[in-house]
Each structure stands twice: as C-alpha cells, then as structure tokens.
Amino acid sequence: MTRTTTAKSIDGERGAALIVALVMLLIMTVLGVTAARNTNLQERMAGNLRDSNLAFQSAERALREGETFLRGATLPPFTGANGLLTMQDGAGQASFWGNDTWWLANGRTATGMAHVNRAPLYVIEELPAVENPGGSLVFGELPDIGFYRITAQGQGGSADAITILQTTYRR
C-alpha cells in the first residue's frame, strides 16, 4: 500500500527545523565572537602586564646601580650634572619625574637591561648632612651622616610602560 500525500499534510509543515537550525547557528556565532573577544582581551592584558613588569625591573636595576655607585670609596662632587644633583637643583620636585626630556638631560644610564624600550636612568640627590647623635669627636671620624636620594626611571617593552622608583641611601 502506498501513501499518498494529501494537501492537508503539506499545509501542516511550517519549516520548524529551519528556524531551530538558524537559532542554533546564531547562538553558536555569538559564543564564538565572545570567545574571540575574550581571548584578545586576555592577550592584551598579558602584554601590558609584561611591559609593566619589565619597566619595574628596569627601574629596580637603575636603583641598584645608583646604590652601588654610592658604595664607592670616594664620591665625585655633586655639581648638578651627570645625574649627581643637590637639593638646590630642584630634582626633588615631582614635576620633573614625568618629564622625559628632563630625564634624558640629567639622568645617568644604567646598564644590563635587555628587551626594554630604553636603558633605565637614575639620578642621585645629595641631601643635607645630618649630625650623628651617637658620634664622638675622635680624630679621624666624620661627625655627619650623609644621606642621598636615588630616583630611577625604567621603561618596559614600549614607551607607554614607565615605572619610577625612589629610595634614600645613608652613607
């Protein structure tokens, strides 16, 4: 016995399978686009974190090189040039720290950093001497304690990632 298609059964089909398939395709497309955007955002965040970390390490390297410089047997005079500044040079003002031209003109270059946009720079400020309260006046002893402020600027893999660190050193 063969079935014959009647007009009633053809009119009953409304294309539900096509609509369900299109809705499922739309949902899958939205999920795919969301996943791609999320991956792109995470990749950019990881790159920025790497740049920030490189900038911090670069500034830390310059800070340590400044401390090593101050550990030397003798220090050259602080004349306001070549990264050796005094309080009168005004380097302690925060407006200088963000000025890249000022850093290039006044900073000392630290060595040994790879994968950074620019070698780290540092300046050393000679602060006013402080009298040693426990010191004695024995011949040959220095009655004053010297204090120095080291400020370092490091850049990461791009010029957008900049870290500035500062420490005070007693000598």
N, C-alpha and C. Protein backbone atom coordinates (compact mmCIF):
# COMPACT_ATOMS: atom_id res chain seq x y z
N MET A 1 0.84 -1.15 0.00
CA MET A 1 0.00 0.00 0.00
C MET A 1 0.90 1.23 0.00
N THR A 2 0.65 2.12 -0.82
CA THR A 2 1.42 3.34 -0.91
C THR A 2 0.65 4.49 -0.31
N ARG A 3 1.44 5.34 0.29
CA ARG A 3 0.83 6.52 0.88
C ARG A 3 0.79 7.63 -0.13
N THR A 4 -0.21 8.30 -0.11
CA THR A 4 -0.31 9.45 -0.99
C THR A 4 -0.28 10.69 -0.13
N THR A 5 0.40 11.68 -0.64
CA THR A 5 0.48 12.92 0.08
C THR A 5 -0.76 13.72 -0.21
N THR A 6 -1.33 14.17 0.84
CA THR A 6 -2.53 14.96 0.66
C THR A 6 -2.22 16.42 0.90
N ALA A 7 -3.05 17.25 0.52
CA ALA A 7 -2.86 18.68 0.67
C ALA A 7 -2.85 19.08 2.13
N LYS A 8 -3.54 18.31 2.95
CA LYS A 8 -3.60 18.64 4.36
C LYS A 8 -2.24 18.46 5.05
N SER A 9 -1.49 17.40 4.75
CA SER A 9 -0.21 17.17 5.40
C SER A 9 0.85 18.17 4.93
N ILE A 10 0.83 18.63 3.71
CA ILE A 10 1.79 19.63 3.22
C ILE A 10 1.52 20.97 3.89
N ASP A 11 0.30 21.33 4.07
CA ASP A 11 -0.03 22.59 4.72
C ASP A 11 0.36 22.59 6.19
N GLY A 12 0.48 21.44 6.85
CA GLY A 12 0.81 21.35 8.27
C GLY A 12 2.27 21.62 8.56
N GLU A 13 3.18 21.47 7.61
CA GLU A 13 4.61 21.72 7.83
C GLU A 13 4.88 23.21 7.74
N ARG A 14 5.56 23.73 8.74
CA ARG A 14 5.80 25.18 8.80
C ARG A 14 7.28 25.52 8.72
N GLY A 15 8.20 24.59 8.56
CA GLY A 15 9.63 24.87 8.47
C GLY A 15 10.28 25.06 9.84
N ALA A 16 9.81 24.34 10.84
CA ALA A 16 10.33 24.47 12.20
C ALA A 16 11.80 24.06 12.26
N ALA A 17 12.20 23.08 11.52
CA ALA A 17 13.60 22.63 11.54
C ALA A 17 14.53 23.75 11.06
N LEU A 18 14.13 24.47 10.06
CA LEU A 18 14.95 25.58 9.55
C LEU A 18 15.09 26.68 10.60
N ILE A 19 14.02 27.01 11.28
CA ILE A 19 14.07 28.05 12.30
C ILE A 19 14.94 27.61 13.47
N VAL A 20 14.81 26.37 13.92
CA VAL A 20 15.62 25.86 15.01
C VAL A 20 17.10 25.87 14.62
N ALA A 21 17.40 25.47 13.39
CA ALA A 21 18.79 25.45 12.92
C ALA A 21 19.37 26.87 12.86
N LEU A 22 18.60 27.83 12.41
CA LEU A 22 19.07 29.21 12.35
C LEU A 22 19.29 29.80 13.75
N VAL A 23 18.42 29.48 14.69
CA VAL A 23 18.60 29.96 16.06
C VAL A 23 19.85 29.35 16.68
N MET A 24 20.07 28.06 16.45
CA MET A 24 21.27 27.40 16.97
C MET A 24 22.53 28.00 16.34
N LEU A 25 22.49 28.30 15.04
CA LEU A 25 23.62 28.93 14.36
C LEU A 25 23.90 30.31 14.93
N LEU A 26 22.87 31.06 15.22
CA LEU A 26 23.03 32.39 15.81
C LEU A 26 23.66 32.29 17.20
N ILE A 27 23.21 31.35 18.02
CA ILE A 27 23.77 31.16 19.35
C ILE A 27 25.24 30.77 19.26
N MET A 28 25.59 29.87 18.36
CA MET A 28 26.98 29.45 18.20
C MET A 28 27.86 30.60 17.71
N THR A 29 27.33 31.44 16.84
CA THR A 29 28.08 32.60 16.35
C THR A 29 28.35 33.59 17.48
N VAL A 30 27.35 33.86 18.29
CA VAL A 30 27.53 34.78 19.43
C VAL A 30 28.57 34.22 20.40
N LEU A 31 28.51 32.92 20.69
CA LEU A 31 29.50 32.30 21.58
C LEU A 31 30.91 32.38 20.99
N GLY A 32 31.05 32.15 19.68
CA GLY A 32 32.36 32.22 19.03
C GLY A 32 32.94 33.62 19.05
N VAL A 33 32.12 34.64 18.77
CA VAL A 33 32.59 36.02 18.78
C VAL A 33 32.99 36.43 20.20
N THR A 34 32.19 36.03 21.19
CA THR A 34 32.51 36.35 22.59
C THR A 34 33.82 35.70 23.01
N ALA A 35 34.03 34.46 22.64
CA ALA A 35 35.28 33.77 22.98
C ALA A 35 36.48 34.44 22.31
N ALA A 36 36.33 34.86 21.06
CA ALA A 36 37.44 35.54 20.36
C ALA A 36 37.76 36.87 21.02
N ARG A 37 36.74 37.63 21.39
CA ARG A 37 36.99 38.92 22.07
C ARG A 37 37.66 38.71 23.42
N ASN A 38 37.21 37.71 24.16
CA ASN A 38 37.78 37.43 25.47
C ASN A 38 39.25 37.03 25.34
N THR A 39 39.57 36.22 24.37
CA THR A 39 40.95 35.80 24.14
C THR A 39 41.82 37.00 23.77
N ASN A 40 41.32 37.86 22.91
CA ASN A 40 42.06 39.05 22.51
C ASN A 40 42.30 39.97 23.70
N LEU A 41 41.30 40.15 24.55
CA LEU A 41 41.43 41.00 25.73
C LEU A 41 42.47 40.42 26.69
N GLN A 42 42.43 39.11 26.92
CA GLN A 42 43.39 38.48 27.82
C GLN A 42 44.81 38.57 27.27
N GLU A 43 44.96 38.47 25.97
CA GLU A 43 46.29 38.60 25.37
C GLU A 43 46.84 40.01 25.55
N ARG A 44 46.01 41.01 25.36
CA ARG A 44 46.45 42.39 25.58
C ARG A 44 46.78 42.65 27.05
N MET A 45 45.99 42.09 27.97
CA MET A 45 46.27 42.26 29.39
C MET A 45 47.60 41.61 29.76
N ALA A 46 47.88 40.45 29.20
CA ALA A 46 49.15 39.78 29.48
C ALA A 46 50.32 40.58 28.94
N GLY A 47 50.17 41.17 27.75
CA GLY A 47 51.23 42.01 27.19
C GLY A 47 51.48 43.25 28.03
N ASN A 48 50.40 43.87 28.51
CA ASN A 48 50.55 45.06 29.37
C ASN A 48 51.20 44.71 30.69
N LEU A 49 50.86 43.56 31.24
CA LEU A 49 51.47 43.12 32.49
C LEU A 49 52.96 42.86 32.29
N ARG A 50 53.32 42.27 31.15
CA ARG A 50 54.73 42.03 30.85
C ARG A 50 55.48 43.36 30.73
N ASP A 51 54.89 44.32 30.02
CA ASP A 51 55.51 45.65 29.88
C ASP A 51 55.69 46.31 31.24
N SER A 52 54.68 46.24 32.08
CA SER A 52 54.76 46.84 33.40
C SER A 52 55.84 46.17 34.24
N ASN A 53 55.92 44.85 34.16
CA ASN A 53 56.93 44.12 34.91
C ASN A 53 58.34 44.46 34.42
N LEU A 54 58.52 44.58 33.11
CA LEU A 54 59.82 44.97 32.56
C LEU A 54 60.21 46.37 33.02
N ALA A 55 59.24 47.29 33.04
CA ALA A 55 59.52 48.66 33.50
C ALA A 55 59.94 48.66 34.96
N PHE A 56 59.27 47.86 35.78
CA PHE A 56 59.63 47.80 37.20
C PHE A 56 61.03 47.22 37.37
N GLN A 57 61.33 46.14 36.67
CA GLN A 57 62.66 45.52 36.78
C GLN A 57 63.75 46.47 36.28
N SER A 58 63.43 47.22 35.23
CA SER A 58 64.39 48.18 34.69
C SER A 58 64.68 49.28 35.70
N ALA A 59 63.64 49.83 36.32
CA ALA A 59 63.83 50.87 37.33
C ALA A 59 64.56 50.31 38.55
N GLU A 60 64.25 49.08 38.92
CA GLU A 60 64.93 48.45 40.06
C GLU A 60 66.42 48.27 39.74
N ARG A 61 66.74 47.92 38.51
CA ARG A 61 68.14 47.76 38.09
C ARG A 61 68.88 49.10 38.24
N ALA A 62 68.25 50.18 37.78
CA ALA A 62 68.88 51.50 37.88
C ALA A 62 69.05 51.92 39.34
N LEU A 63 68.07 51.61 40.18
CA LEU A 63 68.16 51.92 41.60
C LEU A 63 69.35 51.21 42.24
N ARG A 64 69.52 49.94 41.93
CA ARG A 64 70.63 49.17 42.49
C ARG A 64 71.98 49.68 41.97
N GLU A 65 72.01 50.12 40.72
CA GLU A 65 73.26 50.67 40.19
C GLU A 65 73.60 51.99 40.88
N GLY A 66 72.59 52.79 41.21
CA GLY A 66 72.83 54.02 41.97
C GLY A 66 73.36 53.72 43.36
N GLU A 67 72.83 52.69 44.01
CA GLU A 67 73.33 52.31 45.33
C GLU A 67 74.78 51.81 45.24
N THR A 68 75.08 51.06 44.20
CA THR A 68 76.46 50.58 44.00
C THR A 68 77.40 51.76 43.79
N PHE A 69 76.95 52.77 43.06
CA PHE A 69 77.75 53.96 42.85
C PHE A 69 78.06 54.64 44.19
N LEU A 70 77.07 54.72 45.06
CA LEU A 70 77.26 55.38 46.36
C LEU A 70 78.13 54.55 47.32
N ARG A 71 78.28 53.27 47.07
CA ARG A 71 79.14 52.44 47.91
C ARG A 71 80.62 52.60 47.59
N GLY A 72 80.93 53.37 46.56
CA GLY A 72 82.33 53.58 46.17
C GLY A 72 83.12 54.23 47.30
N ALA A 73 84.44 54.09 47.20
CA ALA A 73 85.32 54.65 48.25
C ALA A 73 85.20 56.16 48.34
N THR A 74 85.17 56.83 47.20
CA THR A 74 85.02 58.29 47.18
C THR A 74 83.93 58.65 46.19
N LEU A 75 83.34 59.78 46.40
CA LEU A 75 82.29 60.26 45.51
C LEU A 75 82.75 61.53 44.82
N PRO A 76 82.39 61.69 43.55
CA PRO A 76 82.71 62.95 42.89
C PRO A 76 81.83 64.06 43.44
N PRO A 77 82.16 65.30 43.17
CA PRO A 77 81.31 66.40 43.67
C PRO A 77 79.95 66.40 42.99
N PHE A 78 78.94 66.74 43.75
CA PHE A 78 77.58 66.83 43.23
C PHE A 78 77.39 68.25 42.68
N THR A 79 77.52 68.38 41.37
CA THR A 79 77.51 69.69 40.74
C THR A 79 76.23 69.99 39.97
N GLY A 80 75.29 69.07 39.98
CA GLY A 80 74.06 69.29 39.22
C GLY A 80 74.15 68.76 37.81
N ALA A 81 75.21 68.04 37.48
CA ALA A 81 75.37 67.49 36.14
C ALA A 81 75.60 65.98 36.23
N ASN A 82 75.36 65.30 35.14
CA ASN A 82 75.62 63.87 35.01
C ASN A 82 74.90 63.06 36.08
N GLY A 83 73.70 63.44 36.43
CA GLY A 83 72.90 62.68 37.37
C GLY A 83 73.25 62.85 38.82
N LEU A 84 74.21 63.71 39.15
CA LEU A 84 74.61 63.96 40.54
C LEU A 84 74.10 65.34 40.93
N LEU A 85 72.99 65.38 41.62
CA LEU A 85 72.28 66.63 41.88
C LEU A 85 72.31 66.99 43.36
N THR A 86 72.02 68.24 43.64
CA THR A 86 71.87 68.71 45.01
C THR A 86 70.43 69.17 45.20
N MET A 87 70.05 69.46 46.40
CA MET A 87 68.68 69.92 46.68
C MET A 87 68.39 71.23 45.93
N GLN A 88 69.42 72.05 45.71
CA GLN A 88 69.22 73.32 45.03
C GLN A 88 68.88 73.13 43.55
N ASP A 89 69.20 71.97 42.99
CA ASP A 89 68.90 71.73 41.59
C ASP A 89 67.42 71.49 41.36
N GLY A 90 66.66 71.30 42.44
CA GLY A 90 65.22 71.14 42.33
C GLY A 90 64.76 69.80 41.82
N ALA A 91 65.62 68.80 41.84
CA ALA A 91 65.25 67.50 41.30
C ALA A 91 64.19 66.81 42.15
N GLY A 92 64.06 67.19 43.39
CA GLY A 92 63.08 66.55 44.26
C GLY A 92 61.64 66.91 43.92
N GLN A 93 61.44 67.86 43.03
CA GLN A 93 60.09 68.25 42.65
C GLN A 93 59.49 67.18 41.76
N ALA A 94 58.28 66.76 42.08
CA ALA A 94 57.63 65.67 41.36
C ALA A 94 57.36 66.03 39.90
N SER A 95 57.33 67.31 39.55
CA SER A 95 57.05 67.69 38.16
C SER A 95 58.14 67.22 37.21
N PHE A 96 59.35 67.02 37.71
CA PHE A 96 60.42 66.55 36.85
C PHE A 96 60.29 65.07 36.52
N TRP A 97 59.75 64.29 37.42
CA TRP A 97 59.78 62.83 37.25
C TRP A 97 59.02 62.38 36.01
N GLY A 98 57.98 63.06 35.62
CA GLY A 98 57.22 62.67 34.44
C GLY A 98 57.72 63.28 33.15
N ASN A 99 58.76 64.09 33.21
CA ASN A 99 59.27 64.80 32.04
C ASN A 99 60.41 64.00 31.42
N ASP A 100 60.15 63.38 30.28
CA ASP A 100 61.14 62.52 29.63
C ASP A 100 62.35 63.31 29.16
N THR A 101 62.17 64.54 28.73
CA THR A 101 63.29 65.38 28.30
C THR A 101 64.23 65.65 29.47
N TRP A 102 63.66 65.92 30.64
CA TRP A 102 64.49 66.16 31.83
C TRP A 102 65.31 64.92 32.15
N TRP A 103 64.69 63.74 32.08
CA TRP A 103 65.42 62.50 32.37
C TRP A 103 66.58 62.30 31.41
N LEU A 104 66.35 62.52 30.13
CA LEU A 104 67.41 62.32 29.15
C LEU A 104 68.55 63.32 29.35
N ALA A 105 68.24 64.52 29.82
CA ALA A 105 69.28 65.53 30.02
C ALA A 105 70.04 65.34 31.33
N ASN A 106 69.40 64.81 32.37
CA ASN A 106 70.01 64.77 33.70
C ASN A 106 70.33 63.37 34.22
N GLY A 107 69.76 62.35 33.64
CA GLY A 107 69.91 61.01 34.19
C GLY A 107 71.21 60.32 33.81
N ARG A 108 71.62 59.42 34.69
CA ARG A 108 72.75 58.54 34.43
C ARG A 108 72.17 57.24 33.88
N THR A 109 72.82 56.66 32.91
CA THR A 109 72.31 55.45 32.28
C THR A 109 72.79 54.21 33.02
N ALA A 110 71.85 53.35 33.36
CA ALA A 110 72.19 52.06 33.97
C ALA A 110 72.37 51.04 32.84
N THR A 111 73.16 50.03 33.11
CA THR A 111 73.47 49.04 32.08
C THR A 111 72.85 47.69 32.43
N GLY A 112 72.85 46.81 31.46
CA GLY A 112 72.49 45.42 31.72
C GLY A 112 71.03 45.06 31.60
N MET A 113 70.20 45.86 30.95
CA MET A 113 68.79 45.50 30.78
C MET A 113 68.51 45.22 29.30
N ALA A 114 67.92 44.07 29.04
CA ALA A 114 67.56 43.69 27.68
C ALA A 114 66.04 43.75 27.52
N HIS A 115 65.58 43.83 26.30
CA HIS A 115 64.16 43.79 25.93
C HIS A 115 63.38 44.99 26.45
N VAL A 116 64.03 46.11 26.69
CA VAL A 116 63.33 47.31 27.13
C VAL A 116 63.42 48.37 26.03
N ASN A 117 62.49 49.29 26.06
CA ASN A 117 62.44 50.34 25.05
C ASN A 117 63.65 51.27 25.13
N ARG A 118 64.08 51.57 26.35
CA ARG A 118 65.23 52.44 26.56
C ARG A 118 65.94 52.02 27.84
N ALA A 119 67.25 52.19 27.85
CA ALA A 119 68.03 51.84 29.05
C ALA A 119 67.52 52.66 30.23
N PRO A 120 67.48 52.05 31.42
CA PRO A 120 66.99 52.78 32.60
C PRO A 120 67.92 53.92 32.98
N LEU A 121 67.33 54.95 33.59
CA LEU A 121 68.08 56.13 34.01
C LEU A 121 67.89 56.34 35.51
N TYR A 122 68.88 56.98 36.13
CA TYR A 122 68.76 57.31 37.54
C TYR A 122 69.49 58.61 37.82
N VAL A 123 69.03 59.28 38.88
CA VAL A 123 69.70 60.47 39.40
C VAL A 123 69.90 60.27 40.89
N ILE A 124 70.97 60.88 41.41
CA ILE A 124 71.27 60.83 42.83
C ILE A 124 71.29 62.26 43.35
N GLU A 125 70.50 62.51 44.37
CA GLU A 125 70.47 63.84 45.00
C GLU A 125 71.21 63.77 46.33
N GLU A 126 72.08 64.72 46.54
CA GLU A 126 72.77 64.82 47.82
C GLU A 126 71.87 65.63 48.75
N LEU A 127 71.43 65.02 49.83
CA LEU A 127 70.57 65.68 50.80
C LEU A 127 71.45 66.33 51.87
N PRO A 128 70.93 67.27 52.62
CA PRO A 128 71.73 67.90 53.67
C PRO A 128 72.22 66.86 54.69
N ALA A 129 73.44 67.04 55.14
CA ALA A 129 74.02 66.11 56.11
C ALA A 129 73.31 66.24 57.45
N VAL A 130 73.26 65.14 58.17
CA VAL A 130 72.62 65.10 59.47
C VAL A 130 73.69 64.77 60.51
N GLU A 131 73.65 65.48 61.61
CA GLU A 131 74.64 65.24 62.66
C GLU A 131 74.39 63.87 63.29
N ASN A 132 75.45 63.14 63.51
CA ASN A 132 75.37 61.82 64.12
C ASN A 132 75.21 61.99 65.63
N PRO A 133 74.03 61.68 66.20
CA PRO A 133 73.83 61.93 67.63
C PRO A 133 74.68 61.03 68.53
N GLY A 134 75.05 59.86 68.07
CA GLY A 134 75.85 58.97 68.88
C GLY A 134 77.32 59.04 68.55
N GLY A 135 77.70 59.96 67.67
CA GLY A 135 79.08 60.04 67.24
C GLY A 135 79.97 60.72 68.27
N SER A 136 81.23 60.46 68.14
CA SER A 136 82.19 61.08 69.05
C SER A 136 83.07 62.03 68.25
N LEU A 137 83.83 62.80 68.93
CA LEU A 137 84.71 63.75 68.27
C LEU A 137 86.14 63.23 68.22
N VAL A 138 86.28 61.93 68.07
CA VAL A 138 87.60 61.31 67.97
C VAL A 138 88.20 61.71 66.62
N PHE A 139 89.48 61.99 66.65
CA PHE A 139 90.17 62.40 65.44
C PHE A 139 90.02 61.33 64.35
N GLY A 140 89.66 61.76 63.15
CA GLY A 140 89.54 60.85 62.02
C GLY A 140 88.12 60.37 61.76
N GLU A 141 87.21 60.56 62.69
CA GLU A 141 85.82 60.15 62.47
C GLU A 141 85.04 61.32 61.89
N LEU A 142 84.11 60.98 61.03
CA LEU A 142 83.26 62.00 60.44
C LEU A 142 82.03 62.19 61.32
N PRO A 143 81.77 63.39 61.80
CA PRO A 143 80.64 63.58 62.71
C PRO A 143 79.29 63.59 62.00
N ASP A 144 79.24 63.81 60.70
CA ASP A 144 77.97 63.92 59.99
C ASP A 144 77.68 62.64 59.21
N ILE A 145 76.38 62.39 59.04
CA ILE A 145 75.92 61.25 58.24
C ILE A 145 75.40 61.81 56.93
N GLY A 146 75.87 61.26 55.81
CA GLY A 146 75.42 61.72 54.50
C GLY A 146 74.20 60.92 54.04
N PHE A 147 73.20 61.62 53.54
CA PHE A 147 72.01 60.98 53.00
C PHE A 147 71.87 61.35 51.52
N TYR A 148 71.43 60.39 50.74
CA TYR A 148 71.27 60.57 49.30
C TYR A 148 69.93 59.97 48.89
N ARG A 149 69.27 60.64 47.97
CA ARG A 149 68.02 60.13 47.42
C ARG A 149 68.29 59.69 45.99
N ILE A 150 68.02 58.43 45.71
CA ILE A 150 68.20 57.88 44.36
C ILE A 150 66.81 57.74 43.75
N THR A 151 66.64 58.27 42.57
CA THR A 151 65.39 58.15 41.84
C THR A 151 65.71 57.51 40.50
N ALA A 152 64.95 56.49 40.15
CA ALA A 152 65.21 55.74 38.92
C ALA A 152 63.95 55.67 38.08
N GLN A 153 64.16 55.73 36.76
CA GLN A 153 63.06 55.60 35.82
C GLN A 153 63.37 54.45 34.87
N GLY A 154 62.43 53.54 34.72
CA GLY A 154 62.60 52.43 33.80
C GLY A 154 61.42 52.34 32.86
N GLN A 155 61.70 51.97 31.62
CA GLN A 155 60.64 51.76 30.64
C GLN A 155 60.57 50.28 30.32
N GLY A 156 59.38 49.83 29.98
CA GLY A 156 59.17 48.44 29.61
C GLY A 156 59.48 48.23 28.15
N GLY A 157 58.80 47.28 27.55
CA GLY A 157 59.00 46.98 26.14
C GLY A 157 58.49 48.08 25.23
N SER A 158 57.65 48.96 25.75
CA SER A 158 57.17 50.11 24.98
C SER A 158 57.36 51.37 25.82
N ALA A 159 57.25 52.52 25.17
CA ALA A 159 57.43 53.79 25.88
C ALA A 159 56.23 54.11 26.76
N ASP A 160 55.15 53.34 26.65
CA ASP A 160 53.95 53.60 27.45
C ASP A 160 54.05 53.05 28.87
N ALA A 161 54.92 52.07 29.08
CA ALA A 161 55.07 51.47 30.41
C ALA A 161 56.28 52.10 31.09
N ILE A 162 56.03 52.96 32.06
CA ILE A 162 57.10 53.67 32.77
C ILE A 162 56.91 53.46 34.27
N THR A 163 58.00 53.12 34.95
CA THR A 163 57.98 52.98 36.40
C THR A 163 59.07 53.89 36.98
N ILE A 164 58.72 54.59 38.04
CA ILE A 164 59.68 55.44 38.74
C ILE A 164 59.76 54.95 40.18
N LEU A 165 60.97 54.65 40.62
CA LEU A 165 61.23 54.19 41.99
C LEU A 165 62.17 55.16 42.67
N GLN A 166 62.06 55.22 43.98
CA GLN A 166 62.90 56.14 44.73
C GLN A 166 63.28 55.51 46.06
N THR A 167 64.51 55.74 46.47
CA THR A 167 64.98 55.23 47.75
C THR A 167 65.92 56.25 48.37
N THR A 168 66.08 56.17 49.68
CA THR A 168 67.03 57.02 50.39
C THR A 168 68.16 56.15 50.87
N TYR A 169 69.39 56.63 50.67
CA TYR A 169 70.58 55.85 50.99
C TYR A 169 71.40 56.62 52.03
N ARG A 170 71.84 55.92 53.05
CA ARG A 170 72.65 56.53 54.10
C ARG A 170 74.10 56.07 53.90
N ARG A 171 75.00 57.03 53.98
CA ARG A 171 76.41 56.72 53.78
C ARG A 171 77.23 57.37 54.87
